[in-house]
Amino acid sequence: VFEDTGKGFNTLGVPSDRDAANVELGFDVAVAPGGVFSLYYEGLFA
């Protein structure tokens, strides 16, 4: 609603996608007894 006039309207945002492909690549490294370091990339594509 416009504050000055009180007139209102509907606004529509950017539509999202119905279906998408999810891809993840990475690795774990055992760096110490009981300790694990990980680095990953994740992508969502539609």
PDB file of all heavy atoms in Angstrom:
ATOM      1  N   VAL A   1       0.848  -1.189   0.000  1.00  0.00           N
ATOM      2  CA  VAL A   1       0.000   0.000   0.000  1.00  0.00           C
ATOM      3  C   VAL A   1       0.885   1.240   0.000  1.00  0.00           C
ATOM      4  O   VAL A   1       1.855   1.322   0.769  1.00  0.00           O
ATOM      5  CB  VAL A   1      -0.928   0.014   1.230  1.00  0.00           C
ATOM      6  CG1 VAL A   1      -1.741   1.305   1.280  1.00  0.00           C
ATOM      7  CG2 VAL A   1      -1.841  -1.200   1.228  1.00  0.00           C
ATOM      8  N   PHE A   2       0.563   2.219  -0.851  1.00  0.00           N
ATOM      9  CA  PHE A   2       1.246   3.517  -0.803  1.00  0.00           C
ATOM     10  C   PHE A   2       0.816   4.256   0.460  1.00  0.00           C
ATOM     11  O   PHE A   2      -0.390   4.412   0.718  1.00  0.00           O
ATOM     12  CB  PHE A   2       0.897   4.351  -2.033  1.00  0.00           C
ATOM     13  CG  PHE A   2       1.635   3.932  -3.270  1.00  0.00           C
ATOM     14  CD1 PHE A   2       0.990   3.237  -4.282  1.00  0.00           C
ATOM     15  CD2 PHE A   2       2.991   4.237  -3.430  1.00  0.00           C
ATOM     16  CE1 PHE A   2       1.671   2.861  -5.437  1.00  0.00           C
ATOM     17  CE2 PHE A   2       3.673   3.863  -4.564  1.00  0.00           C
ATOM     18  CZ  PHE A   2       3.014   3.168  -5.565  1.00  0.00           C
ATOM     19  N   GLU A   3       1.782   4.707   1.262  1.00  0.00           N
ATOM     20  CA  GLU A   3       1.460   5.366   2.523  1.00  0.00           C
ATOM     21  C   GLU A   3       0.728   6.687   2.304  1.00  0.00           C
ATOM     22  O   GLU A   3      -0.170   7.052   3.076  1.00  0.00           O
ATOM     23  CB  GLU A   3       2.747   5.606   3.315  1.00  0.00           C
ATOM     24  CG  GLU A   3       3.408   4.329   3.795  1.00  0.00           C
ATOM     25  CD  GLU A   3       4.641   4.611   4.625  1.00  0.00           C
ATOM     26  OE1 GLU A   3       4.815   5.744   5.092  1.00  0.00           O
ATOM     27  OE2 GLU A   3       5.443   3.679   4.814  1.00  0.00           O
ATOM     28  N   ASP A   4       1.085   7.443   1.266  1.00  0.00           N
ATOM     29  CA  ASP A   4       0.467   8.753   1.042  1.00  0.00           C
ATOM     30  C   ASP A   4      -0.979   8.657   0.585  1.00  0.00           C
ATOM     31  O   ASP A   4      -1.834   9.439   1.019  1.00  0.00           O
ATOM     32  CB  ASP A   4       1.280   9.540   0.009  1.00  0.00           C
ATOM     33  CG  ASP A   4       2.507  10.196   0.619  1.00  0.00           C
ATOM     34  OD1 ASP A   4       2.710  10.029   1.839  1.00  0.00           O
ATOM     35  OD2 ASP A   4       3.265  10.852  -0.126  1.00  0.00           O
ATOM     36  N   THR A   5      -1.272   7.706  -0.303  1.00  0.00           N
ATOM     37  CA  THR A   5      -2.599   7.661  -0.920  1.00  0.00           C
ATOM     38  C   THR A   5      -3.485   6.548  -0.364  1.00  0.00           C
ATOM     39  O   THR A   5      -4.712   6.595  -0.528  1.00  0.00           O
ATOM     40  CB  THR A   5      -2.473   7.462  -2.438  1.00  0.00           C
ATOM     41  OG1 THR A   5      -1.869   6.179  -2.697  1.00  0.00           O
ATOM     42  CG2 THR A   5      -1.611   8.563  -3.056  1.00  0.00           C
ATOM     43  N   GLY A   6      -2.883   5.541   0.257  1.00  0.00           N
ATOM     44  CA  GLY A   6      -3.655   4.409   0.756  1.00  0.00           C
ATOM     45  C   GLY A   6      -4.058   3.420  -0.322  1.00  0.00           C
ATOM     46  O   GLY A   6      -4.752   2.439  -0.046  1.00  0.00           O
ATOM     47  N   LYS A   7      -3.620   3.642  -1.556  1.00  0.00           N
ATOM     48  CA  LYS A   7      -3.957   2.714  -2.639  1.00  0.00           C
ATOM     49  C   LYS A   7      -3.020   1.508  -2.596  1.00  0.00           C
ATOM     50  O   LYS A   7      -1.819   1.650  -2.374  1.00  0.00           O
ATOM     51  CB  LYS A   7      -3.851   3.420  -3.991  1.00  0.00           C
ATOM     52  CG  LYS A   7      -4.913   4.494  -4.197  1.00  0.00           C
ATOM     53  CD  LYS A   7      -4.830   5.086  -5.589  1.00  0.00           C
ATOM     54  CE  LYS A   7      -5.941   6.117  -5.810  1.00  0.00           C
ATOM     55  NZ  LYS A   7      -5.890   6.714  -7.163  1.00  0.00           N
ATOM     56  N   GLY A   8      -3.592   0.330  -2.812  1.00  0.00           N
ATOM     57  CA  GLY A   8      -2.808  -0.892  -2.732  1.00  0.00           C
ATOM     58  C   GLY A   8      -2.717  -1.622  -4.058  1.00  0.00           C
ATOM     59  O   GLY A   8      -3.452  -1.344  -5.006  1.00  0.00           O
ATOM     60  N   PHE A   9      -1.789  -2.555  -4.124  1.00  0.00           N
ATOM     61  CA  PHE A   9      -1.588  -3.347  -5.336  1.00  0.00           C
ATOM     62  C   PHE A   9      -0.858  -4.632  -4.959  1.00  0.00           C
ATOM     63  O   PHE A   9      -0.180  -4.717  -3.938  1.00  0.00           O
ATOM     64  CB  PHE A   9      -0.779  -2.556  -6.370  1.00  0.00           C
ATOM     65  CG  PHE A   9       0.596  -2.165  -5.885  1.00  0.00           C
ATOM     66  CD1 PHE A   9       1.712  -2.956  -6.159  1.00  0.00           C
ATOM     67  CD2 PHE A   9       0.776  -1.000  -5.138  1.00  0.00           C
ATOM     68  CE1 PHE A   9       2.966  -2.597  -5.705  1.00  0.00           C
ATOM     69  CE2 PHE A   9       2.038  -0.638  -4.681  1.00  0.00           C
ATOM     70  CZ  PHE A   9       3.133  -1.432  -4.967  1.00  0.00           C
ATOM     71  N   ASN A  10      -1.000  -5.642  -5.816  1.00  0.00           N
ATOM     72  CA  ASN A  10      -0.271  -6.891  -5.647  1.00  0.00           C
ATOM     73  C   ASN A  10       1.079  -6.788  -6.360  1.00  0.00           C
ATOM     74  O   ASN A  10       1.172  -6.200  -7.439  1.00  0.00           O
ATOM     75  CB  ASN A  10      -1.046  -8.066  -6.237  1.00  0.00           C
ATOM     76  CG  ASN A  10      -2.139  -8.548  -5.308  1.00  0.00           C
ATOM     77  OD1 ASN A  10      -1.951  -8.611  -4.097  1.00  0.00           O
ATOM     78  ND2 ASN A  10      -3.289  -8.893  -5.872  1.00  0.00           N
ATOM     79  N   THR A  11       2.116  -7.338  -5.741  1.00  0.00           N
ATOM     80  CA  THR A  11       3.425  -7.393  -6.371  1.00  0.00           C
ATOM     81  C   THR A  11       3.877  -8.844  -6.433  1.00  0.00           C
ATOM     82  O   THR A  11       3.667  -9.617  -5.488  1.00  0.00           O
ATOM     83  CB  THR A  11       4.454  -6.542  -5.609  1.00  0.00           C
ATOM     84  OG1 THR A  11       5.725  -6.660  -6.244  1.00  0.00           O
ATOM     85  CG2 THR A  11       4.586  -6.985  -4.167  1.00  0.00           C
ATOM     86  N   LEU A  12       4.480  -9.228  -7.552  1.00  0.00           N
ATOM     87  CA  LEU A  12       4.936 -10.594  -7.773  1.00  0.00           C
ATOM     88  C   LEU A  12       6.450 -10.603  -7.883  1.00  0.00           C
ATOM     89  O   LEU A  12       7.028  -9.775  -8.583  1.00  0.00           O
ATOM     90  CB  LEU A  12       4.317 -11.169  -9.056  1.00  0.00           C
ATOM     91  CG  LEU A  12       2.787 -11.186  -9.120  1.00  0.00           C
ATOM     92  CD1 LEU A  12       2.317 -11.687 -10.482  1.00  0.00           C
ATOM     93  CD2 LEU A  12       2.224 -12.058  -8.002  1.00  0.00           C
ATOM     94  N   GLY A  13       7.089 -11.537  -7.202  1.00  0.00           N
ATOM     95  CA  GLY A  13       8.549 -11.638  -7.223  1.00  0.00           C
ATOM     96  C   GLY A  13       9.048 -12.550  -8.316  1.00  0.00           C
ATOM     97  O   GLY A  13       8.300 -13.005  -9.193  1.00  0.00           O
ATOM     98  N   VAL A  14      10.342 -12.842  -8.267  1.00  0.00           N
ATOM     99  CA  VAL A  14      10.960 -13.726  -9.254  1.00  0.00           C
ATOM    100  C   VAL A  14      10.513 -15.163  -8.973  1.00  0.00           C
ATOM    101  O   VAL A  14      10.631 -15.638  -7.847  1.00  0.00           O
ATOM    102  CB  VAL A  14      12.495 -13.636  -9.183  1.00  0.00           C
ATOM    103  CG1 VAL A  14      13.123 -14.506 -10.250  1.00  0.00           C
ATOM    104  CG2 VAL A  14      12.941 -12.196  -9.337  1.00  0.00           C
ATOM    105  N   PRO A  15      10.011 -15.880  -9.983  1.00  0.00           N
ATOM    106  CA  PRO A  15       9.579 -17.260  -9.734  1.00  0.00           C
ATOM    107  C   PRO A  15      10.772 -18.188  -9.567  1.00  0.00           C
ATOM    108  O   PRO A  15      11.807 -18.019 -10.203  1.00  0.00           O
ATOM    109  CB  PRO A  15       8.788 -17.614 -10.997  1.00  0.00           C
ATOM    110  CG  PRO A  15       9.382 -16.744 -12.068  1.00  0.00           C
ATOM    111  CD  PRO A  15       9.777 -15.468 -11.375  1.00  0.00           C
ATOM    112  N   SER A  16      10.624 -19.176  -8.692  1.00  0.00           N
ATOM    113  CA  SER A  16      11.642 -20.209  -8.541  1.00  0.00           C
ATOM    114  C   SER A  16      11.312 -21.370  -9.478  1.00  0.00           C
ATOM    115  O   SER A  16      10.259 -21.403 -10.122  1.00  0.00           O
ATOM    116  CB  SER A  16      11.714 -20.688  -7.092  1.00  0.00           C
ATOM    117  OG  SER A  16      10.466 -21.139  -6.647  1.00  0.00           O
ATOM    118  N   ASP A  17      12.203 -22.337  -9.551  1.00  0.00           N
ATOM    119  CA  ASP A  17      12.038 -23.454 -10.482  1.00  0.00           C
ATOM    120  C   ASP A  17      11.359 -24.639  -9.807  1.00  0.00           C
ATOM    121  O   ASP A  17      11.549 -24.897  -8.612  1.00  0.00           O
ATOM    122  CB  ASP A  17      13.407 -23.898 -11.008  1.00  0.00           C
ATOM    123  CG  ASP A  17      14.022 -22.847 -11.920  1.00  0.00           C
ATOM    124  OD1 ASP A  17      13.521 -22.677 -13.039  1.00  0.00           O
ATOM    125  OD2 ASP A  17      14.996 -22.207 -11.499  1.00  0.00           O
ATOM    126  N   ARG A  18      10.579 -25.368 -10.591  1.00  0.00           N
ATOM    127  CA  ARG A  18       9.906 -26.554 -10.073  1.00  0.00           C
ATOM    128  C   ARG A  18      10.895 -27.696  -9.847  1.00  0.00           C
ATOM    129  O   ARG A  18      10.804 -28.419  -8.849  1.00  0.00           O
ATOM    130  CB  ARG A  18       8.812 -26.983 -11.062  1.00  0.00           C
ATOM    131  CG  ARG A  18       8.040 -28.213 -10.656  1.00  0.00           C
ATOM    132  CD  ARG A  18       7.089 -27.925  -9.510  1.00  0.00           C
ATOM    133  NE  ARG A  18       5.997 -27.043  -9.910  1.00  0.00           N
ATOM    134  CZ  ARG A  18       5.088 -26.545  -9.076  1.00  0.00           C
ATOM    135  NH1 ARG A  18       5.153 -26.841  -7.787  1.00  0.00           N
ATOM    136  NH2 ARG A  18       4.140 -25.740  -9.504  1.00  0.00           N
ATOM    137  N   ASP A  19      11.838 -27.867 -10.768  1.00  0.00           N
ATOM    138  CA  ASP A  19      12.795 -28.969 -10.685  1.00  0.00           C
ATOM    139  C   ASP A  19      14.212 -28.440 -10.817  1.00  0.00           C
ATOM    140  O   ASP A  19      14.465 -27.482 -11.559  1.00  0.00           O
ATOM    141  CB  ASP A  19      12.531 -30.009 -11.783  1.00  0.00           C
ATOM    142  CG  ASP A  19      11.170 -30.657 -11.638  1.00  0.00           C
ATOM    143  OD1 ASP A  19      11.020 -31.484 -10.726  1.00  0.00           O
ATOM    144  OD2 ASP A  19      10.267 -30.315 -12.423  1.00  0.00           O
ATOM    145  N   ALA A  20      15.143 -29.070 -10.114  1.00  0.00           N
ATOM    146  CA  ALA A  20      16.538 -28.641 -10.140  1.00  0.00           C
ATOM    147  C   ALA A  20      17.445 -29.844  -9.958  1.00  0.00           C
ATOM    148  O   ALA A  20      17.065 -30.854  -9.341  1.00  0.00           O
ATOM    149  CB  ALA A  20      16.811 -27.597  -9.057  1.00  0.00           C
ATOM    150  N   ALA A  21      18.657 -29.739 -10.483  1.00  0.00           N
ATOM    151  CA  ALA A  21      19.687 -30.755 -10.291  1.00  0.00           C
ATOM    152  C   ALA A  21      20.620 -30.301  -9.175  1.00  0.00           C
ATOM    153  O   ALA A  21      21.071 -29.157  -9.166  1.00  0.00           O
ATOM    154  CB  ALA A  21      20.474 -30.972 -11.581  1.00  0.00           C
ATOM    155  N   ASN A  22      20.895 -31.186  -8.238  1.00  0.00           N
ATOM    156  CA  ASN A  22      21.776 -30.900  -7.113  1.00  0.00           C
ATOM    157  C   ASN A  22      23.052 -31.722  -7.275  1.00  0.00           C
ATOM    158  O   ASN A  22      22.996 -32.948  -7.379  1.00  0.00           O
ATOM    159  CB  ASN A  22      21.071 -31.261  -5.801  1.00  0.00           C
ATOM    160  CG  ASN A  22      21.804 -30.728  -4.587  1.00  0.00           C
ATOM    161  OD1 ASN A  22      22.921 -30.252  -4.685  1.00  0.00           O
ATOM    162  ND2 ASN A  22      21.161 -30.823  -3.435  1.00  0.00           N
ATOM    163  N   VAL A  23      24.197 -31.035  -7.293  1.00  0.00           N
ATOM    164  CA  VAL A  23      25.490 -31.693  -7.484  1.00  0.00           C
ATOM    165  C   VAL A  23      26.418 -31.288  -6.343  1.00  0.00           C
ATOM    166  O   VAL A  23      26.503 -30.103  -5.998  1.00  0.00           O
ATOM    167  CB  VAL A  23      26.132 -31.299  -8.839  1.00  0.00           C
ATOM    168  CG1 VAL A  23      27.481 -31.971  -9.005  1.00  0.00           C
ATOM    169  CG2 VAL A  23      25.201 -31.653  -9.991  1.00  0.00           C
ATOM    170  N   GLU A  24      27.111 -32.263  -5.771  1.00  0.00           N
ATOM    171  CA  GLU A  24      28.054 -31.980  -4.689  1.00  0.00           C
ATOM    172  C   GLU A  24      29.337 -32.764  -4.913  1.00  0.00           C
ATOM    173  O   GLU A  24      29.309 -33.956  -5.221  1.00  0.00           O
ATOM    174  CB  GLU A  24      27.439 -32.359  -3.345  1.00  0.00           C
ATOM    175  CG  GLU A  24      28.287 -32.005  -2.141  1.00  0.00           C
ATOM    176  CD  GLU A  24      27.597 -32.310  -0.827  1.00  0.00           C
ATOM    177  OE1 GLU A  24      26.549 -31.688  -0.552  1.00  0.00           O
ATOM    178  OE2 GLU A  24      28.096 -33.192  -0.100  1.00  0.00           O
ATOM    179  N   LEU A  25      30.477 -32.075  -4.746  1.00  0.00           N
ATOM    180  CA  LEU A  25      31.790 -32.695  -4.887  1.00  0.00           C
ATOM    181  C   LEU A  25      32.670 -32.233  -3.739  1.00  0.00           C
ATOM    182  O   LEU A  25      32.640 -31.060  -3.360  1.00  0.00           O
ATOM    183  CB  LEU A  25      32.443 -32.302  -6.219  1.00  0.00           C
ATOM    184  CG  LEU A  25      31.713 -32.702  -7.500  1.00  0.00           C
ATOM    185  CD1 LEU A  25      32.354 -32.029  -8.706  1.00  0.00           C
ATOM    186  CD2 LEU A  25      31.705 -34.208  -7.666  1.00  0.00           C
ATOM    187  N   GLY A  26      33.467 -33.152  -3.182  1.00  0.00           N
ATOM    188  CA  GLY A  26      34.350 -32.765  -2.098  1.00  0.00           C
ATOM    189  C   GLY A  26      35.159 -33.924  -1.588  1.00  0.00           C
ATOM    190  O   GLY A  26      35.174 -35.017  -2.172  1.00  0.00           O
ATOM    191  N   PHE A  27      35.833 -33.700  -0.472  1.00  0.00           N
ATOM    192  CA  PHE A  27      36.658 -34.747   0.108  1.00  0.00           C
ATOM    193  C   PHE A  27      36.816 -34.534   1.608  1.00  0.00           C
ATOM    194  O   PHE A  27      36.686 -33.418   2.121  1.00  0.00           O
ATOM    195  CB  PHE A  27      38.037 -34.787  -0.561  1.00  0.00           C
ATOM    196  CG  PHE A  27      38.826 -33.514  -0.419  1.00  0.00           C
ATOM    197  CD1 PHE A  27      39.627 -33.286   0.682  1.00  0.00           C
ATOM    198  CD2 PHE A  27      38.737 -32.520  -1.392  1.00  0.00           C
ATOM    199  CE1 PHE A  27      40.349 -32.100   0.816  1.00  0.00           C
ATOM    200  CE2 PHE A  27      39.452 -31.338  -1.259  1.00  0.00           C
ATOM    201  CZ  PHE A  27      40.261 -31.122  -0.151  1.00  0.00           C
ATOM    202  N   ASP A  28      37.085 -35.642   2.311  1.00  0.00           N
ATOM    203  CA  ASP A  28      37.423 -35.637   3.732  1.00  0.00           C
ATOM    204  C   ASP A  28      38.890 -36.013   3.884  1.00  0.00           C
ATOM    205  O   ASP A  28      39.390 -36.867   3.148  1.00  0.00           O
ATOM    206  CB  ASP A  28      36.574 -36.640   4.517  1.00  0.00           C
ATOM    207  CG  ASP A  28      35.090 -36.345   4.439  1.00  0.00           C
ATOM    208  OD1 ASP A  28      34.729 -35.190   4.147  1.00  0.00           O
ATOM    209  OD2 ASP A  28      34.293 -37.277   4.656  1.00  0.00           O
ATOM    210  N   VAL A  29      39.564 -35.380   4.840  1.00  0.00           N
ATOM    211  CA  VAL A  29      40.959 -35.704   5.132  1.00  0.00           C
ATOM    212  C   VAL A  29      41.089 -35.952   6.627  1.00  0.00           C
ATOM    213  O   VAL A  29      40.708 -35.094   7.438  1.00  0.00           O
ATOM    214  CB  VAL A  29      41.916 -34.569   4.710  1.00  0.00           C
ATOM    215  CG1 VAL A  29      43.360 -34.977   4.991  1.00  0.00           C
ATOM    216  CG2 VAL A  29      41.745 -34.228   3.239  1.00  0.00           C
ATOM    217  N   ALA A  30      41.622 -37.133   6.996  1.00  0.00           N
ATOM    218  CA  ALA A  30      41.887 -37.426   8.404  1.00  0.00           C
ATOM    219  C   ALA A  30      43.190 -36.729   8.780  1.00  0.00           C
ATOM    220  O   ALA A  30      44.266 -37.136   8.359  1.00  0.00           O
ATOM    221  CB  ALA A  30      41.998 -38.929   8.616  1.00  0.00           C
ATOM    222  N   VAL A  31      43.087 -35.636   9.545  1.00  0.00           N
ATOM    223  CA  VAL A  31      44.261 -34.800   9.844  1.00  0.00           C
ATOM    224  C   VAL A  31      44.858 -35.085  11.214  1.00  0.00           C
ATOM    225  O   VAL A  31      45.958 -34.635  11.521  1.00  0.00           O
ATOM    226  CB  VAL A  31      43.889 -33.303   9.747  1.00  0.00           C
ATOM    227  CG1 VAL A  31      43.534 -32.942   8.319  1.00  0.00           C
ATOM    228  CG2 VAL A  31      42.739 -32.961  10.690  1.00  0.00           C
ATOM    229  N   ALA A  32      44.150 -35.820  12.077  1.00  0.00           N
ATOM    230  CA  ALA A  32      44.643 -36.133  13.418  1.00  0.00           C
ATOM    231  C   ALA A  32      43.787 -37.257  13.965  1.00  0.00           C
ATOM    232  O   ALA A  32      42.713 -37.552  13.411  1.00  0.00           O
ATOM    233  CB  ALA A  32      44.558 -34.900  14.331  1.00  0.00           C
ATOM    234  N   PRO A  33      44.240 -37.928  15.017  1.00  0.00           N
ATOM    235  CA  PRO A  33      43.399 -38.967  15.623  1.00  0.00           C
ATOM    236  C   PRO A  33      42.031 -38.407  16.016  1.00  0.00           C
ATOM    237  O   PRO A  33      41.927 -37.524  16.856  1.00  0.00           O
ATOM    238  CB  PRO A  33      44.206 -39.405  16.855  1.00  0.00           C
ATOM    239  CG  PRO A  33      45.624 -39.088  16.502  1.00  0.00           C
ATOM    240  CD  PRO A  33      45.552 -37.828  15.686  1.00  0.00           C
ATOM    241  N   GLY A  34      41.003 -38.893  15.352  1.00  0.00           N
ATOM    242  CA  GLY A  34      39.655 -38.420  15.636  1.00  0.00           C
ATOM    243  C   GLY A  34      39.270 -37.139  14.937  1.00  0.00           C
ATOM    244  O   GLY A  34      38.128 -36.695  15.029  1.00  0.00           O
ATOM    245  N   GLY A  35      40.195 -36.492  14.220  1.00  0.00           N
ATOM    246  CA  GLY A  35      39.912 -35.224  13.555  1.00  0.00           C
ATOM    247  C   GLY A  35      39.802 -35.382  12.052  1.00  0.00           C
ATOM    248  O   GLY A  35      40.627 -36.041  11.422  1.00  0.00           O
ATOM    249  N   VAL A  36      38.770 -34.767  11.455  1.00  0.00           N
ATOM    250  CA  VAL A  36      38.538 -34.840  10.010  1.00  0.00           C
ATOM    251  C   VAL A  36      38.277 -33.437   9.472  1.00  0.00           C
ATOM    252  O   VAL A  36      37.425 -32.709   9.987  1.00  0.00           O
ATOM    253  CB  VAL A  36      37.348 -35.761   9.670  1.00  0.00           C
ATOM    254  CG1 VAL A  36      37.092 -35.760   8.164  1.00  0.00           C
ATOM    255  CG2 VAL A  36      37.600 -37.177  10.163  1.00  0.00           C
ATOM    256  N   PHE A  37      39.015 -33.062   8.423  1.00  0.00           N
ATOM    257  CA  PHE A  37      38.805 -31.802   7.718  1.00  0.00           C
ATOM    258  C   PHE A  37      38.104 -32.109   6.405  1.00  0.00           C
ATOM    259  O   PHE A  37      38.462 -33.055   5.694  1.00  0.00           O
ATOM    260  CB  PHE A  37      40.147 -31.117   7.454  1.00  0.00           C
ATOM    261  CG  PHE A  37      40.052 -29.936   6.520  1.00  0.00           C
ATOM    262  CD1 PHE A  37      39.688 -28.686   6.991  1.00  0.00           C
ATOM    263  CD2 PHE A  37      40.317 -30.087   5.165  1.00  0.00           C
ATOM    264  CE1 PHE A  37      39.594 -27.601   6.136  1.00  0.00           C
ATOM    265  CE2 PHE A  37      40.234 -29.011   4.298  1.00  0.00           C
ATOM    266  CZ  PHE A  37      39.869 -27.766   4.789  1.00  0.00           C
ATOM    267  N   SER A  38      37.091 -31.305   6.040  1.00  0.00           N
ATOM    268  CA  SER A  38      36.319 -31.532   4.817  1.00  0.00           C
ATOM    269  C   SER A  38      36.179 -30.240   4.036  1.00  0.00           C
ATOM    270  O   SER A  38      36.046 -29.159   4.620  1.00  0.00           O
ATOM    271  CB  SER A  38      34.921 -32.069   5.146  1.00  0.00           C
ATOM    272  OG  SER A  38      34.982 -33.226   5.949  1.00  0.00           O
ATOM    273  N   LEU A  39      36.180 -30.363   2.714  1.00  0.00           N
ATOM    274  CA  LEU A  39      35.961 -29.235   1.800  1.00  0.00           C
ATOM    275  C   LEU A  39      35.001 -29.697   0.718  1.00  0.00           C
ATOM    276  O   LEU A  39      35.256 -30.714   0.062  1.00  0.00           O
ATOM    277  CB  LEU A  39      37.273 -28.763   1.188  1.00  0.00           C
ATOM    278  CG  LEU A  39      37.184 -27.601   0.187  1.00  0.00           C
ATOM    279  CD1 LEU A  39      36.685 -26.336   0.875  1.00  0.00           C
ATOM    280  CD2 LEU A  39      38.539 -27.350  -0.468  1.00  0.00           C
ATOM    281  N   TYR A  40      33.896 -28.952   0.536  1.00  0.00           N
ATOM    282  CA  TYR A  40      32.873 -29.364  -0.412  1.00  0.00           C
ATOM    283  C   TYR A  40      32.372 -28.177  -1.246  1.00  0.00           C
ATOM    284  O   TYR A  40      32.287 -27.049  -0.750  1.00  0.00           O
ATOM    285  CB  TYR A  40      31.661 -29.960   0.315  1.00  0.00           C
ATOM    286  CG  TYR A  40      31.899 -31.318   0.910  1.00  0.00           C
ATOM    287  CD1 TYR A  40      32.315 -31.452   2.229  1.00  0.00           C
ATOM    288  CD2 TYR A  40      31.715 -32.473   0.158  1.00  0.00           C
ATOM    289  CE1 TYR A  40      32.547 -32.696   2.785  1.00  0.00           C
ATOM    290  CE2 TYR A  40      31.937 -33.724   0.703  1.00  0.00           C
ATOM    291  CZ  TYR A  40      32.357 -33.827   2.013  1.00  0.00           C
ATOM    292  OH  TYR A  40      32.580 -35.057   2.563  1.00  0.00           O
ATOM    293  N   TYR A  41      32.004 -28.494  -2.487  1.00  0.00           N
ATOM    294  CA  TYR A  41      31.262 -27.561  -3.346  1.00  0.00           C
ATOM    295  C   TYR A  41      29.901 -28.176  -3.626  1.00  0.00           C
ATOM    296  O   TYR A  41      29.796 -29.364  -3.937  1.00  0.00           O
ATOM    297  CB  TYR A  41      31.988 -27.320  -4.665  1.00  0.00           C
ATOM    298  CG  TYR A  41      31.075 -26.711  -5.714  1.00  0.00           C
ATOM    299  CD1 TYR A  41      30.789 -25.342  -5.707  1.00  0.00           C
ATOM    300  CD2 TYR A  41      30.449 -27.516  -6.667  1.00  0.00           C
ATOM    301  CE1 TYR A  41      29.909 -24.787  -6.633  1.00  0.00           C
ATOM    302  CE2 TYR A  41      29.576 -26.972  -7.606  1.00  0.00           C
ATOM    303  CZ  TYR A  41      29.315 -25.612  -7.589  1.00  0.00           C
ATOM    304  OH  TYR A  41      28.441 -25.074  -8.491  1.00  0.00           O
ATOM    305  N   GLU A  42      28.857 -27.365  -3.506  1.00  0.00           N
ATOM    306  CA  GLU A  42      27.508 -27.814  -3.837  1.00  0.00           C
ATOM    307  C   GLU A  42      26.883 -26.846  -4.829  1.00  0.00           C
ATOM    308  O   GLU A  42      26.947 -25.627  -4.639  1.00  0.00           O
ATOM    309  CB  GLU A  42      26.637 -27.910  -2.589  1.00  0.00           C
ATOM    310  CG  GLU A  42      25.233 -28.426  -2.881  1.00  0.00           C
ATOM    311  CD  GLU A  42      24.369 -28.546  -1.642  1.00  0.00           C
ATOM    312  OE1 GLU A  42      24.880 -28.249  -0.544  1.00  0.00           O
ATOM    313  OE2 GLU A  42      23.191 -28.940  -1.763  1.00  0.00           O
ATOM    314  N   GLY A  43      26.279 -27.377  -5.891  1.00  0.00           N
ATOM    315  CA  GLY A  43      25.629 -26.549  -6.893  1.00  0.00           C
ATOM    316  C   GLY A  43      24.194 -26.989  -7.130  1.00  0.00           C
ATOM    317  O   GLY A  43      23.888 -28.187  -7.145  1.00  0.00           O
ATOM    318  N   LEU A  44      23.305 -26.009  -7.284  1.00  0.00           N
ATOM    319  CA  LEU A  44      21.909 -26.258  -7.611  1.00  0.00           C
ATOM    320  C   LEU A  44      21.643 -25.580  -8.950  1.00  0.00           C
ATOM    321  O   LEU A  44      21.805 -24.361  -9.075  1.00  0.00           O
ATOM    322  CB  LEU A  44      20.997 -25.692  -6.516  1.00  0.00           C
ATOM    323  CG  LEU A  44      19.545 -26.164  -6.504  1.00  0.00           C
ATOM    324  CD1 LEU A  44      19.475 -27.648  -6.166  1.00  0.00           C
ATOM    325  CD2 LEU A  44      18.734 -25.360  -5.495  1.00  0.00           C
ATOM    326  N   PHE A  45      21.230 -26.370  -9.948  1.00  0.00           N
ATOM    327  CA  PHE A  45      21.103 -25.864 -11.308  1.00  0.00           C
ATOM    328  C   PHE A  45      19.705 -26.148 -11.848  1.00  0.00           C
ATOM    329  O   PHE A  45      19.221 -27.278 -11.767  1.00  0.00           O
ATOM    330  CB  PHE A  45      22.149 -26.511 -12.223  1.00  0.00           C
ATOM    331  CG  PHE A  45      23.564 -26.306 -11.768  1.00  0.00           C
ATOM    332  CD1 PHE A  45      24.210 -27.272 -11.017  1.00  0.00           C
ATOM    333  CD2 PHE A  45      24.235 -25.130 -12.077  1.00  0.00           C
ATOM    334  CE1 PHE A  45      25.514 -27.083 -10.588  1.00  0.00           C
ATOM    335  CE2 PHE A  45      25.536 -24.930 -11.654  1.00  0.00           C
ATOM    336  CZ  PHE A  45      26.167 -25.905 -10.906  1.00  0.00           C
ATOM    337  N   ALA A  46      19.061 -25.087 -12.377  1.00  0.00           N
ATOM    338  CA  ALA A  46      17.737 -25.213 -12.968  1.00  0.00           C
ATOM    339  C   ALA A  46      17.610 -24.185 -14.089  1.00  0.00           C
ATOM    340  O   ALA A  46      18.564 -23.483 -14.415  1.00  0.00           O
ATOM    341  CB  ALA A  46      16.660 -25.004 -11.902  1.00  0.00           C
TER     342      ALA A  46
END
